C-alpha atoms as a PDB file:
ATOM      1  CA  MET A   1     -18.119  -6.813 -41.190  1.00  0.00           C
ATOM      2  CA  SER A   2     -19.174  -7.572 -37.753  1.00  0.00           C
ATOM      3  CA  ARG A   3     -19.225  -4.856 -35.201  1.00  0.00           C
ATOM      4  CA  PHE A   4     -15.765  -5.008 -33.255  1.00  0.00           C
ATOM      5  CA  ASP A   5     -15.939  -6.810 -30.064  1.00  0.00           C
ATOM      6  CA  ALA A   6     -12.414  -7.032 -28.164  1.00  0.00           C
ATOM      7  CA  ARG A   7     -13.666 -10.324 -26.418  1.00  0.00           C
ATOM      8  CA  ASN A   8     -15.077 -12.372 -29.265  1.00  0.00           C
ATOM      9  CA  GLN A   9     -12.105 -11.041 -31.411  1.00  0.00           C
ATOM     10  CA  ARG A  10      -9.355 -12.068 -28.914  1.00  0.00           C
ATOM     11  CA  TYR A  11      -8.299  -8.486 -28.222  1.00  0.00           C
ATOM     12  CA  ARG A  12      -7.386  -7.269 -24.671  1.00  0.00           C
ATOM     13  CA  MET A  13      -5.641  -4.305 -23.216  1.00  0.00           C
ATOM     14  CA  PRO A  14      -2.451  -5.222 -21.661  1.00  0.00           C
ATOM     15  CA  ALA A  15      -1.690  -3.914 -18.021  1.00  0.00           C
ATOM     16  CA  GLU A  16       1.053  -1.436 -17.733  1.00  0.00           C
ATOM     17  CA  TRP A  17       3.453  -3.539 -16.048  1.00  0.00           C
ATOM     18  CA  GLU A  18       3.629  -5.844 -19.256  1.00  0.00           C
ATOM     19  CA  THR A  19       6.445  -5.662 -21.838  1.00  0.00           C
ATOM     20  CA  MET A  20       6.205  -2.385 -23.838  1.00  0.00           C
ATOM     21  CA  ALA A  21       7.376  -1.508 -27.244  1.00  0.00           C
ATOM     22  CA  THR A  22       7.086   2.336 -27.047  1.00  0.00           C
ATOM     23  CA  THR A  23       5.911   5.035 -24.889  1.00  0.00           C
ATOM     24  CA  TRP A  24       4.310   7.811 -26.757  1.00  0.00           C
ATOM     25  CA  LEU A  25       4.794  11.480 -24.924  1.00  0.00           C
ATOM     26  CA  GLY A  26       2.911  14.694 -25.569  1.00  0.00           C
ATOM     27  CA  TRP A  27       4.529  17.821 -25.964  1.00  0.00           C
ATOM     28  CA  PRO A  28       3.275  21.073 -24.342  1.00  0.00           C
ATOM     29  CA  VAL A  29       1.581  23.764 -26.684  1.00  0.00           C
ATOM     30  CA  LEU A  30       1.378  27.534 -25.319  1.00  0.00           C
ATOM     31  CA  LYS A  31      -1.226  28.779 -27.922  1.00  0.00           C
ATOM     32  CA  ASP A  32      -4.482  28.849 -26.725  1.00  0.00           C
ATOM     33  CA  ARG A  33      -3.277  27.122 -23.641  1.00  0.00           C
ATOM     34  CA  GLU A  34      -1.639  30.211 -21.775  1.00  0.00           C
ATOM     35  CA  MET A  35      -3.872  29.964 -18.852  1.00  0.00           C
ATOM     36  CA  LEU A  36      -2.317  26.285 -18.223  1.00  0.00           C
ATOM     37  CA  TRP A  37       1.565  27.345 -18.625  1.00  0.00           C
ATOM     38  CA  GLY A  38       1.658  30.984 -18.773  1.00  0.00           C
ATOM     39  CA  ASP A  39       5.344  32.312 -17.813  1.00  0.00           C
ATOM     40  CA  HIS A  40       6.501  28.572 -16.829  1.00  0.00           C
ATOM     41  CA  TYR A  41       6.257  27.368 -20.212  1.00  0.00           C
ATOM     42  CA  GLN A  42       9.850  26.976 -21.530  1.00  0.00           C
ATOM     43  CA  ARG A  43      10.575  25.568 -17.915  1.00  0.00           C
ATOM     44  CA  VAL A  44       7.956  22.928 -18.555  1.00  0.00           C
ATOM     45  CA  CYS A  45       9.220  22.214 -21.903  1.00  0.00           C
ATOM     46  CA  GLU A  46      12.753  21.275 -20.284  1.00  0.00           C
ATOM     47  CA  GLU A  47      10.997  19.162 -17.942  1.00  0.00           C
ATOM     48  CA  PHE A  48       9.420  17.460 -20.595  1.00  0.00           C
ATOM     49  CA  ALA A  49      12.373  17.104 -22.466  1.00  0.00           C
ATOM     50  CA  LEU A  50      13.982  15.274 -19.264  1.00  0.00           C
ATOM     51  CA  VAL A  51      11.149  12.850 -19.022  1.00  0.00           C
ATOM     52  CA  ALA A  52      11.606  11.997 -22.760  1.00  0.00           C
ATOM     53  CA  ARG A  53      15.445  11.314 -22.404  1.00  0.00           C
ATOM     54  CA  THR A  54      14.716   9.261 -19.343  1.00  0.00           C
ATOM     55  CA  ILE A  55      12.214   7.180 -20.909  1.00  0.00           C
ATOM     56  CA  ALA A  56      14.491   6.463 -24.070  1.00  0.00           C
ATOM     57  CA  ARG A  57      17.166   4.937 -21.252  1.00  0.00           C
ATOM     58  CA  TYR A  58      14.692   2.034 -21.110  1.00  0.00           C
ATOM     59  CA  GLN A  59      12.706   2.071 -24.089  1.00  0.00           C
ATOM     60  CA  ARG A  60      11.639   3.628 -27.601  1.00  0.00           C
ATOM     61  CA  CYS A  61      10.244   7.048 -26.644  1.00  0.00           C
ATOM     62  CA  ILE A  62       8.216   9.017 -29.309  1.00  0.00           C
ATOM     63  CA  VAL A  63       7.295  12.607 -28.684  1.00  0.00           C
ATOM     64  CA  THR A  64       4.202  14.010 -30.364  1.00  0.00           C
ATOM     65  CA  ALA A  65       4.403  17.768 -30.848  1.00  0.00           C
ATOM     66  CA  HIS A  66       2.379  20.355 -32.768  1.00  0.00           C
ATOM     67  CA  HIS A  67       3.817  21.008 -36.087  1.00  0.00           C
ATOM     68  CA  SER A  68       4.592  24.502 -34.856  1.00  0.00           C
ATOM     69  CA  GLN A  69       6.539  22.995 -31.823  1.00  0.00           C
ATOM     70  CA  ALA A  70       8.454  20.013 -33.561  1.00  0.00           C
ATOM     71  CA  ASP A  71      11.690  21.686 -34.321  1.00  0.00           C
ATOM     72  CA  THR A  72      11.910  23.115 -30.946  1.00  0.00           C
ATOM     73  CA  ALA A  73      11.196  19.330 -29.051  1.00  0.00           C
ATOM     74  CA  ARG A  74      13.503  17.889 -31.161  1.00  0.00           C
ATOM     75  CA  ALA A  75      16.491  20.304 -29.861  1.00  0.00           C
ATOM     76  CA  LEU A  76      15.298  19.661 -26.633  1.00  0.00           C
ATOM     77  CA  VAL A  77      14.982  15.950 -26.467  1.00  0.00           C
ATOM     78  CA  GLY A  78      18.352  15.237 -28.192  1.00  0.00           C
ATOM     79  CA  ASP A  79      18.997  12.302 -30.562  1.00  0.00           C
ATOM     80  CA  THR A  80      17.669   9.362 -28.494  1.00  0.00           C
ATOM     81  CA  VAL A  81      13.822  10.617 -28.823  1.00  0.00           C
ATOM     82  CA  GLU A  82      11.901  10.707 -31.824  1.00  0.00           C
ATOM     83  CA  VAL A  83       9.565  13.413 -32.460  1.00  0.00           C
ATOM     84  CA  LEU A  84       6.260  12.988 -34.742  1.00  0.00           C
ATOM     85  CA  ALA A  85       4.873  16.326 -35.746  1.00  0.00           C
ATOM     86  CA  VAL A  86       1.158  16.301 -35.172  1.00  0.00           C
ATOM     87  CA  ALA A  87      -1.571  18.919 -34.954  1.00  0.00           C
ATOM     88  CA  ALA A  88      -2.794  18.293 -31.342  1.00  0.00           C
ATOM     89  CA  GLU A  89      -3.205  21.134 -29.358  1.00  0.00           C
ATOM     90  CA  ASP A  90      -2.326  19.652 -25.919  1.00  0.00           C
ATOM     91  CA  ASN A  91       0.202  17.272 -24.843  1.00  0.00           C
ATOM     92  CA  TRP A  92      -1.971  14.977 -22.890  1.00  0.00           C
ATOM     93  CA  VAL A  93      -1.845  12.005 -25.087  1.00  0.00           C
ATOM     94  CA  ARG A  94      -3.271   9.451 -22.185  1.00  0.00           C
ATOM     95  CA  ASP A  95      -6.458  11.178 -22.853  1.00  0.00           C
ATOM     96  CA  CYS A  96      -6.870  12.262 -26.312  1.00  0.00           C
ATOM     97  CA  GLY A  97      -4.489   9.238 -28.146  1.00  0.00           C
ATOM     98  CA  PRO A  98      -5.438   5.613 -28.607  1.00  0.00           C
ATOM     99  CA  ILE A  99      -5.757   2.767 -26.545  1.00  0.00           C
ATOM    100  CA  PHE A 100      -3.633   0.241 -27.559  1.00  0.00           C
ATOM    101  CA  LEU A 101      -4.812  -3.366 -27.600  1.00  0.00           C
ATOM    102  CA  GLN A 102      -3.144  -6.935 -28.182  1.00  0.00           C
ATOM    103  CA  GLY A 103      -4.577  -9.466 -30.157  1.00  0.00           C
ATOM    104  CA  ASP A 104      -3.898 -13.219 -29.324  1.00  0.00           C
ATOM    105  CA  GLN A 105      -2.198 -13.565 -32.371  1.00  0.00           C
ATOM    106  CA  GLY A 106       0.463 -11.039 -31.838  1.00  0.00           C
ATOM    107  CA  GLN A 107      -1.469  -8.273 -33.633  1.00  0.00           C
ATOM    108  CA  LEU A 108      -1.692  -4.499 -32.633  1.00  0.00           C
ATOM    109  CA  GLY A 109      -4.724  -2.969 -32.116  1.00  0.00           C
ATOM    110  CA  ALA A 110      -6.081   0.701 -31.191  1.00  0.00           C
ATOM    111  CA  ALA A 111      -9.380   1.437 -29.321  1.00  0.00           C
ATOM    112  CA  VAL A 112      -9.830   5.264 -30.553  1.00  0.00           C
ATOM    113  CA  PHE A 113     -12.540   6.792 -28.237  1.00  0.00           C
ATOM    114  CA  ARG A 114     -14.219  10.070 -28.806  1.00  0.00           C
ATOM    115  CA  PHE A 115     -12.466  13.160 -27.097  1.00  0.00           C
ATOM    116  CA  ASN A 116     -14.477  16.403 -26.052  1.00  0.00           C
ATOM    117  CA  SER A 117     -11.808  18.310 -23.861  1.00  0.00           C
ATOM    118  CA  TRP A 118     -12.752  17.145 -20.547  1.00  0.00           C
ATOM    119  CA  GLY A 119     -16.169  18.033 -21.081  1.00  0.00           C
ATOM    120  CA  GLU A 120     -15.580  20.897 -23.425  1.00  0.00           C
ATOM    121  CA  LYS A 121     -13.065  22.834 -20.955  1.00  0.00           C
ATOM    122  CA  TYR A 122     -10.700  23.777 -23.580  1.00  0.00           C
ATOM    123  CA  GLN A 123     -10.843  25.185 -27.363  1.00  0.00           C
ATOM    124  CA  PRO A 124      -9.752  24.525 -29.909  1.00  0.00           C
ATOM    125  CA  TYR A 125      -9.544  20.575 -29.632  1.00  0.00           C
ATOM    126  CA  ASP A 126      -9.752  19.416 -33.300  1.00  0.00           C
ATOM    127  CA  GLY A 127      -6.153  18.349 -33.408  1.00  0.00           C
ATOM    128  CA  CYS A 128      -6.404  16.304 -30.202  1.00  0.00           C
ATOM    129  CA  GLN A 129      -9.634  14.641 -31.631  1.00  0.00           C
ATOM    130  CA  GLN A 130      -7.612  13.437 -34.553  1.00  0.00           C
ATOM    131  CA  LEU A 131      -4.563  12.312 -32.573  1.00  0.00           C
ATOM    132  CA  GLY A 132      -5.949   8.801 -31.818  1.00  0.00           C
ATOM    133  CA  GLN A 133      -5.834   7.963 -35.523  1.00  0.00           C
ATOM    134  CA  ASP A 134      -2.679   9.723 -36.120  1.00  0.00           C
ATOM    135  CA  ILE A 135      -0.775   7.802 -33.427  1.00  0.00           C
ATOM    136  CA  ALA A 136      -2.598   4.423 -34.365  1.00  0.00           C
ATOM    137  CA  ARG A 137      -1.531   4.686 -38.079  1.00  0.00           C
ATOM    138  CA  ALA A 138       2.168   5.591 -37.526  1.00  0.00           C
ATOM    139  CA  ALA A 139       2.237   2.737 -35.084  1.00  0.00           C
ATOM    140  CA  GLY A 140       0.639   0.402 -37.642  1.00  0.00           C
ATOM    141  CA  ALA A 141      -2.334  -0.509 -35.332  1.00  0.00           C
ATOM    142  CA  GLN A 142      -5.717  -1.859 -36.626  1.00  0.00           C
ATOM    143  CA  ILE A 143      -8.062   0.898 -35.575  1.00  0.00           C
ATOM    144  CA  PHE A 144     -11.412   0.204 -33.563  1.00  0.00           C
ATOM    145  CA  ASN A 145     -13.448   3.199 -33.355  1.00  0.00           C
ATOM    146  CA  SER A 146     -16.030   3.936 -30.315  1.00  0.00           C
ATOM    147  CA  HIS A 147     -18.905   6.386 -30.319  1.00  0.00           C
ATOM    148  CA  MET A 148     -18.158   6.619 -26.438  1.00  0.00           C
ATOM    149  CA  VAL A 149     -16.229   9.944 -25.205  1.00  0.00           C
ATOM    150  CA  LEU A 150     -13.638   8.474 -22.838  1.00  0.00           C
ATOM    151  CA  GLU A 151      -9.905   9.462 -21.755  1.00  0.00           C
ATOM    152  CA  GLY A 152      -7.410   7.099 -21.207  1.00  0.00           C
ATOM    153  CA  GLY A 153      -6.580   8.604 -17.777  1.00  0.00           C
ATOM    154  CA  ALA A 154     -10.127   7.595 -16.358  1.00  0.00           C
ATOM    155  CA  PHE A 155      -9.473   3.924 -16.086  1.00  0.00           C
ATOM    156  CA  TYR A 156      -6.540   1.319 -15.461  1.00  0.00           C
ATOM    157  CA  VAL A 157      -6.924  -2.406 -16.370  1.00  0.00           C
ATOM    158  CA  ASP A 158      -5.252  -5.654 -14.762  1.00  0.00           C
ATOM    159  CA  GLY A 159      -4.742  -7.188 -18.187  1.00  0.00           C
ATOM    160  CA  GLN A 160      -6.732 -10.002 -16.865  1.00  0.00           C
ATOM    161  CA  GLY A 161     -10.396  -8.832 -17.285  1.00  0.00           C
ATOM    162  CA  THR A 162     -10.393  -6.066 -14.541  1.00  0.00           C
ATOM    163  CA  LEU A 163     -10.846  -2.537 -15.028  1.00  0.00           C
ATOM    164  CA  VAL A 164     -11.438   0.273 -12.361  1.00  0.00           C
ATOM    165  CA  THR A 165     -12.755   3.792 -13.070  1.00  0.00           C
ATOM    166  CA  THR A 166     -14.708   6.649 -11.227  1.00  0.00           C
ATOM    167  CA  GLU A 167     -18.157   7.666 -11.299  1.00  0.00           C
ATOM    168  CA  SER A 168     -17.103  11.446 -10.816  1.00  0.00           C
ATOM    169  CA  CYS A 169     -15.711  11.040 -14.374  1.00  0.00           C
ATOM    170  CA  LEU A 170     -17.335   8.417 -16.664  1.00  0.00           C
ATOM    171  CA  LEU A 171     -20.713   9.228 -15.046  1.00  0.00           C
ATOM    172  CA  HIS A 172     -20.325  13.150 -15.415  1.00  0.00           C
ATOM    173  CA  PRO A 173     -23.011  14.623 -17.719  1.00  0.00           C
ATOM    174  CA  ASN A 174     -20.269  16.603 -19.508  1.00  0.00           C
ATOM    175  CA  ARG A 175     -18.690  13.377 -21.337  1.00  0.00           C
ATOM    176  CA  ASN A 176     -21.739  10.964 -22.335  1.00  0.00           C
ATOM    177  CA  PRO A 177     -25.098  12.587 -21.160  1.00  0.00           C
ATOM    178  CA  HIS A 178     -26.770  10.119 -23.553  1.00  0.00           C
ATOM    179  CA  MET A 179     -25.591   7.216 -21.657  1.00  0.00           C
ATOM    180  CA  ASN A 180     -26.465   5.360 -18.460  1.00  0.00           C
ATOM    181  CA  ARG A 181     -24.105   3.152 -16.197  1.00  0.00           C
ATOM    182  CA  ALA A 182     -24.854   0.060 -17.990  1.00  0.00           C
ATOM    183  CA  GLU A 183     -24.300   1.083 -21.463  1.00  0.00           C
ATOM    184  CA  ILE A 184     -21.169   2.809 -20.548  1.00  0.00           C
ATOM    185  CA  GLU A 185     -20.008  -0.636 -18.825  1.00  0.00           C
ATOM    186  CA  ALA A 186     -21.157  -2.333 -21.951  1.00  0.00           C
ATOM    187  CA  GLU A 187     -18.864  -0.212 -24.248  1.00  0.00           C
ATOM    188  CA  LEU A 188     -15.769  -0.450 -21.748  1.00  0.00           C
ATOM    189  CA  ARG A 189     -16.173  -4.340 -22.311  1.00  0.00           C
ATOM    190  CA  ARG A 190     -16.607  -4.325 -26.081  1.00  0.00           C
ATOM    191  CA  MET A 191     -13.711  -2.182 -26.935  1.00  0.00           C
ATOM    192  CA  LEU A 192     -11.156  -3.253 -24.225  1.00  0.00           C
ATOM    193  CA  GLY A 193     -11.901  -7.061 -23.517  1.00  0.00           C
ATOM    194  CA  VAL A 194     -12.868  -6.416 -19.907  1.00  0.00           C
ATOM    195  CA  GLU A 195     -15.276  -8.142 -18.123  1.00  0.00           C
ATOM    196  CA  LYS A 196     -15.252  -6.960 -14.373  1.00  0.00           C
ATOM    197  CA  ILE A 197     -15.716  -2.988 -13.943  1.00  0.00           C
ATOM    198  CA  ILE A 198     -14.756  -1.549 -10.702  1.00  0.00           C
ATOM    199  CA  TRP A 199     -16.389   1.847  -9.758  1.00  0.00           C
ATOM    200  CA  LEU A 200     -14.635   4.068  -7.159  1.00  0.00           C
ATOM    201  CA  PRO A 201     -16.470   7.461  -6.097  1.00  0.00           C
ATOM    202  CA  GLY A 202     -13.906   9.464  -7.421  1.00  0.00           C
ATOM    203  CA  ASN A 203     -12.817  13.127  -6.750  1.00  0.00           C
ATOM    204  CA  PRO A 204     -15.865  15.505  -7.668  1.00  0.00           C
ATOM    205  CA  ASP A 205     -13.568  18.314  -6.362  1.00  0.00           C
ATOM    206  CA  GLU A 206     -10.983  17.996  -8.800  1.00  0.00           C
ATOM    207  CA  VAL A 207     -12.031  20.481 -11.785  1.00  0.00           C
ATOM    208  CA  GLU A 208      -9.715  19.372 -14.585  1.00  0.00           C
ATOM    209  CA  THR A 209     -10.701  15.798 -15.340  1.00  0.00           C
ATOM    210  CA  ASN A 210     -13.316  15.294 -12.939  1.00  0.00           C
ATOM    211  CA  GLY A 211     -11.511  12.901 -10.955  1.00  0.00           C
ATOM    212  CA  HIS A 212      -9.570  10.572 -13.104  1.00  0.00           C
ATOM    213  CA  VAL A 213      -8.582   7.321 -11.647  1.00  0.00           C
ATOM    214  CA  ASP A 214      -5.000   7.877 -12.339  1.00  0.00           C
ATOM    215  CA  GLY A 215      -4.505  10.452  -9.784  1.00  0.00           C
ATOM    216  CA  ILE A 216      -6.447   7.924  -7.059  1.00  0.00           C
ATOM    217  CA  ALA A 217      -5.424   4.175  -7.702  1.00  0.00           C
ATOM    218  CA  SER A 218      -3.770   1.926  -9.993  1.00  0.00           C
ATOM    219  CA  PHE A 219      -3.185  -1.902 -10.522  1.00  0.00           C
ATOM    220  CA  ILE A 220       0.416  -2.698  -9.767  1.00  0.00           C
ATOM    221  CA  ALA A 221      -0.096  -6.777 -10.271  1.00  0.00           C
ATOM    222  CA  PRO A 222      -2.714  -9.010 -10.412  1.00  0.00           C
ATOM    223  CA  GLY A 223      -4.969  -8.914  -7.105  1.00  0.00           C
ATOM    224  CA  LYS A 224      -2.674  -5.749  -5.953  1.00  0.00           C
ATOM    225  CA  MET A 225      -3.381  -2.007  -6.158  1.00  0.00           C
ATOM    226  CA  LEU A 226      -1.665   1.238  -5.149  1.00  0.00           C
ATOM    227  CA  CYS A 227      -3.701   3.833  -3.371  1.00  0.00           C
ATOM    228  CA  GLN A 228      -3.135   7.571  -3.271  1.00  0.00           C
ATOM    229  CA  THR A 229      -3.702   8.672   0.378  1.00  0.00           C
ATOM    230  CA  ALA A 230      -3.685  11.870   2.176  1.00  0.00           C
ATOM    231  CA  SER A 231      -3.271  13.387   5.531  1.00  0.00           C
ATOM    232  CA  PRO A 232      -6.087  14.260   7.755  1.00  0.00           C
ATOM    233  CA  ASP A 233      -4.656  18.158   7.903  1.00  0.00           C
ATOM    234  CA  GLN A 234      -5.548  17.887   4.213  1.00  0.00           C
ATOM    235  CA  GLY A 235      -8.861  18.630   4.682  1.00  0.00           C
ATOM    236  CA  GLU A 236     -11.811  17.542   2.267  1.00  0.00           C
ATOM    237  CA  TYR A 237      -8.912  15.823   0.116  1.00  0.00           C
ATOM    238  CA  PHE A 238      -8.224  13.216   2.959  1.00  0.00           C
ATOM    239  CA  HIS A 239     -11.744  12.432   3.097  1.00  0.00           C
ATOM    240  CA  VAL A 240     -12.240  11.907  -0.360  1.00  0.00           C
ATOM    241  CA  MET A 241      -9.147   9.746  -0.691  1.00  0.00           C
ATOM    242  CA  ARG A 242     -10.263   7.610   2.203  1.00  0.00           C
ATOM    243  CA  GLU A 243     -13.639   7.122   0.566  1.00  0.00           C
ATOM    244  CA  ASN A 244     -11.793   5.675  -2.333  1.00  0.00           C
ATOM    245  CA  ARG A 245      -9.558   3.141  -0.388  1.00  0.00           C
ATOM    246  CA  ARG A 246     -12.877   2.016   1.220  1.00  0.00           C
ATOM    247  CA  ALA A 247     -14.360   1.259  -1.790  1.00  0.00           C
ATOM    248  CA  LEU A 248     -11.362  -0.852  -2.881  1.00  0.00           C
ATOM    249  CA  GLU A 249     -11.437  -2.679   0.435  1.00  0.00           C
ATOM    250  CA  LEU A 250     -14.816  -4.006  -0.610  1.00  0.00           C
ATOM    251  CA  ALA A 251     -14.224  -4.645  -4.169  1.00  0.00           C
ATOM    252  CA  THR A 252     -12.995  -7.780  -5.936  1.00  0.00           C
ATOM    253  CA  ASP A 253     -11.324  -8.495  -9.220  1.00  0.00           C
ATOM    254  CA  VAL A 254     -12.849 -10.416 -12.128  1.00  0.00           C
ATOM    255  CA  THR A 255     -11.788 -13.939 -10.172  1.00  0.00           C
ATOM    256  CA  GLY A 256     -13.632 -12.535  -7.247  1.00  0.00           C
ATOM    257  CA  ARG A 257     -10.448 -12.021  -5.292  1.00  0.00           C
ATOM    258  CA  ARG A 258      -9.949  -9.075  -2.588  1.00  0.00           C
ATOM    259  CA  PHE A 259      -7.107  -6.497  -3.282  1.00  0.00           C
ATOM    260  CA  ASP A 260      -3.822  -6.167  -1.500  1.00  0.00           C
ATOM    261  CA  LEU A 261      -3.633  -2.225  -1.093  1.00  0.00           C
ATOM    262  CA  LEU A 262      -0.608  -0.479  -0.753  1.00  0.00           C
ATOM    263  CA  ASP A 263      -0.532   3.152   0.109  1.00  0.00           C
ATOM    264  CA  LEU A 264       1.246   5.919  -1.482  1.00  0.00           C
ATOM    265  CA  PRO A 265       1.638   8.964   0.439  1.00  0.00           C
ATOM    266  CA  SER A 266       0.805  12.583  -0.727  1.00  0.00           C
ATOM    267  CA  PRO A 267       3.230  15.058  -1.196  1.00  0.00           C
ATOM    268  CA  ILE A 268       3.238  18.241   1.126  1.00  0.00           C
ATOM    269  CA  VAL A 269       3.916  21.179  -1.314  1.00  0.00           C
ATOM    270  CA  THR A 270       4.010  24.878  -0.792  1.00  0.00           C
ATOM    271  CA  GLU A 271       5.060  25.919  -4.129  1.00  0.00           C
ATOM    272  CA  ARG A 272       2.393  25.804  -6.794  1.00  0.00           C
ATOM    273  CA  TYR A 273       3.167  28.140  -9.218  1.00  0.00           C
ATOM    274  CA  GLY A 274       0.140  30.377  -9.131  1.00  0.00           C
ATOM    275  CA  SER A 275      -1.580  27.208 -10.540  1.00  0.00           C
ATOM    276  CA  GLU A 276      -5.268  26.426  -9.146  1.00  0.00           C
ATOM    277  CA  ARG A 277      -4.979  22.951 -10.915  1.00  0.00           C
ATOM    278  CA  TYR A 278      -1.746  21.869  -9.752  1.00  0.00           C
ATOM    279  CA  CYS A 279      -1.164  18.034  -9.817  1.00  0.00           C
ATOM    280  CA  ASP A 280       0.421  17.640  -6.641  1.00  0.00           C
ATOM    281  CA  CYS A 281       0.571  13.600  -6.448  1.00  0.00           C
ATOM    282  CA  TYR A 282       2.900  10.617  -6.886  1.00  0.00           C
ATOM    283  CA  ALA A 283       0.201   8.590  -8.253  1.00  0.00           C
ATOM    284  CA  ASN A 284       0.463   9.746 -11.953  1.00  0.00           C
ATOM    285  CA  TYR A 285       3.627   7.869 -12.639  1.00  0.00           C
ATOM    286  CA  ILE A 286       4.224   5.797 -15.489  1.00  0.00           C
ATOM    287  CA  LEU A 287       6.180   2.310 -15.902  1.00  0.00           C
ATOM    288  CA  VAL A 288       8.463   1.636 -18.677  1.00  0.00           C
ATOM    289  CA  ASN A 289      10.910  -1.732 -19.301  1.00  0.00           C
ATOM    290  CA  GLY A 290      12.701  -1.775 -16.052  1.00  0.00           C
ATOM    291  CA  ALA A 291      11.805   1.429 -14.214  1.00  0.00           C
ATOM    292  CA  VAL A 292       8.938   3.243 -12.630  1.00  0.00           C
ATOM    293  CA  ILE A 293       9.007   7.243 -13.019  1.00  0.00           C
ATOM    294  CA  SER A 294       7.241   9.908 -11.114  1.00  0.00           C
ATOM    295  CA  THR A 295       7.632  13.304  -9.778  1.00  0.00           C
ATOM    296  CA  ALA A 296      10.103  14.597  -7.064  1.00  0.00           C
ATOM    297  CA  PHE A 297       8.585  17.590  -5.610  1.00  0.00           C
ATOM    298  CA  GLY A 298      11.434  18.289  -3.373  1.00  0.00           C
ATOM    299  CA  VAL A 299       9.828  17.709  -0.235  1.00  0.00           C
ATOM    300  CA  GLU A 300      10.250  15.157   2.459  1.00  0.00           C
ATOM    301  CA  GLN A 301       7.518  12.780   1.275  1.00  0.00           C
ATOM    302  CA  ASP A 302       9.602  12.255  -1.944  1.00  0.00           C
ATOM    303  CA  ARG A 303      11.793   9.464   0.049  1.00  0.00           C
ATOM    304  CA  ALA A 304       8.612   7.732   1.477  1.00  0.00           C
ATOM    305  CA  ALA A 305       7.132   7.469  -2.132  1.00  0.00           C
ATOM    306  CA  SER A 306      10.077   6.113  -3.498  1.00  0.00           C
ATOM    307  CA  ASP A 307      10.127   3.618  -1.029  1.00  0.00           C
ATOM    308  CA  VAL A 308       6.624   2.612  -1.563  1.00  0.00           C
ATOM    309  CA  PHE A 309       7.228   2.399  -5.334  1.00  0.00           C
ATOM    310  CA  ALA A 310      10.232   0.280  -4.750  1.00  0.00           C
ATOM    311  CA  GLN A 311       7.823  -2.139  -2.876  1.00  0.00           C
ATOM    312  CA  ALA A 312       5.285  -1.905  -5.682  1.00  0.00           C
ATOM    313  CA  PHE A 313       7.546  -2.782  -8.276  1.00  0.00           C
ATOM    314  CA  PRO A 314      10.240  -4.960  -6.961  1.00  0.00           C
ATOM    315  CA  GLY A 315      13.162  -5.405  -9.693  1.00  0.00           C
ATOM    316  CA  ARG A 316      12.421  -2.089 -11.363  1.00  0.00           C
ATOM    317  CA  ARG A 317      14.520   1.134 -10.868  1.00  0.00           C
ATOM    318  CA  VAL A 318      12.643   4.083  -9.222  1.00  0.00           C
ATOM    319  CA  GLU A 319      12.968   7.033 -10.940  1.00  0.00           C
ATOM    320  CA  LEU A 320      11.722  10.714  -9.029  1.00  0.00           C
ATOM    321  CA  LEU A 321      12.362  13.422 -11.560  1.00  0.00           C
ATOM    322  CA  PRO A 322      12.867  17.158 -10.395  1.00  0.00           C
ATOM    323  CA  ILE A 323       9.955  18.099 -12.809  1.00  0.00           C
ATOM    324  CA  PRO A 324       7.603  19.694 -10.420  1.00  0.00           C
ATOM    325  CA  THR A 325       6.760  22.511 -12.652  1.00  0.00           C
ATOM    326  CA  LEU A 326       5.241  20.148 -15.120  1.00  0.00           C
ATOM    327  CA  SER A 327       2.407  19.618 -12.699  1.00  0.00           C
ATOM    328  CA  ILE A 328       0.828  23.221 -13.097  1.00  0.00           C
ATOM    329  CA  GLY A 329      -0.983  22.000 -16.065  1.00  0.00           C
ATOM    330  CA  GLY A 330      -3.410  19.661 -14.128  1.00  0.00           C
ATOM    331  CA  GLY A 331      -1.825  16.634 -14.949  1.00  0.00           C
ATOM    332  CA  SER A 332       1.689  14.713 -14.791  1.00  0.00           C
ATOM    333  CA  ILE A 333       3.651  12.362 -16.703  1.00  0.00           C
ATOM    334  CA  HIS A 334       1.068   9.577 -16.849  1.00  0.00           C
ATOM    335  CA  CYS A 335      -1.462  11.992 -18.278  1.00  0.00           C
ATOM    336  CA  SER A 336       1.146  12.852 -20.899  1.00  0.00           C
ATOM    337  CA  THR A 337       1.906   9.312 -21.905  1.00  0.00           C
ATOM    338  CA  GLN A 338       0.504   6.431 -23.590  1.00  0.00           C
ATOM    339  CA  GLN A 339       2.208   2.905 -23.503  1.00  0.00           C
ATOM    340  CA  GLN A 340       2.091   0.906 -26.746  1.00  0.00           C
ATOM    341  CA  PRO A 341       2.764  -3.046 -25.766  1.00  0.00           C
ATOM    342  CA  ALA A 342       5.516  -5.174 -27.380  1.00  0.00           C
ATOM    343  CA  VAL A 343       3.834  -7.214 -29.881  1.00  0.00           C
ATOM    344  CA  THR A 344       4.325  -7.636 -33.761  1.00  0.00           C
ATOM    345  CA  ALA A 345       3.869  -4.355 -35.795  1.00  0.00           C
ATOM    346  CA  PRO A 346       5.398  -2.373 -38.382  1.00  0.00           C
ATOM    347  CA  SER A 347       7.847   0.180 -37.261  1.00  0.00           C
ATOM    348  CA  VAL A 348       7.241   4.094 -37.759  1.00  0.00           C
END
């Protein structure tokens, strides 16, 4: 059988605003991740349960929970949410789960990349490495494997052939030291069916993911992007976000079109729950059929962020959930979910 190439075999990764069948949501694990959750673990689980129940009001939600936590997860999420017991040691499904693809004949595919725990940051992660295969098989997707290390939070696609990512993450030597930029681009094209790749500088100061793009910018429609911004009193973070926006101002998509940019404010939080990796941004949001979901931090910027989301996604309900404790793990709900497109596929 010839080597898989998404473009030749007519597969693509749909944009996140396209119709979905399912959202897969990870469940946090305390064992060997005490440095993430600590004494806040119970509250974090309750917040994940709220996310799951909220998603389930709009579409199917399946929680992947470590075997040791599956019964606890079932009790907290209730009857509207399904739970699949897995071996994954972390909840960050976006990064270690499969990337779902859509074939032009209604097929469901899954691109499964290698996972090395964000550059060997946490041990163990054998179960996380297996999660892509586990979810893809449960979803009934045809699996296409890649030799490259890649996390789903490191890129966005517009569904029309354009991908955006960051240099600080994908070119970091802790992921693929044996690959150069051209080789990484070639593998992204082969596996995801894209043609144009936009490189942003990213955020080298972000220690958890080395600057995933899902905390910086996202496609919200063809030719339109949402940009995380910062205020001048936020120090170096302000300059980092400004440089990413400047790169987007100069960028074009696969058709040669420049982007309309919409700015998303940063929350000014004082309560970080003692976490050095606290994910204090609205940009780590998710879309579901009929809604956009992000975090309410209980600060004055929440209202402005809600207004921006309403402008970015007209016709969708804006759900800012009171889940600030969840961010102590270094990510938020986009990091912990993966969307499965609405294509023909067997049920779980």
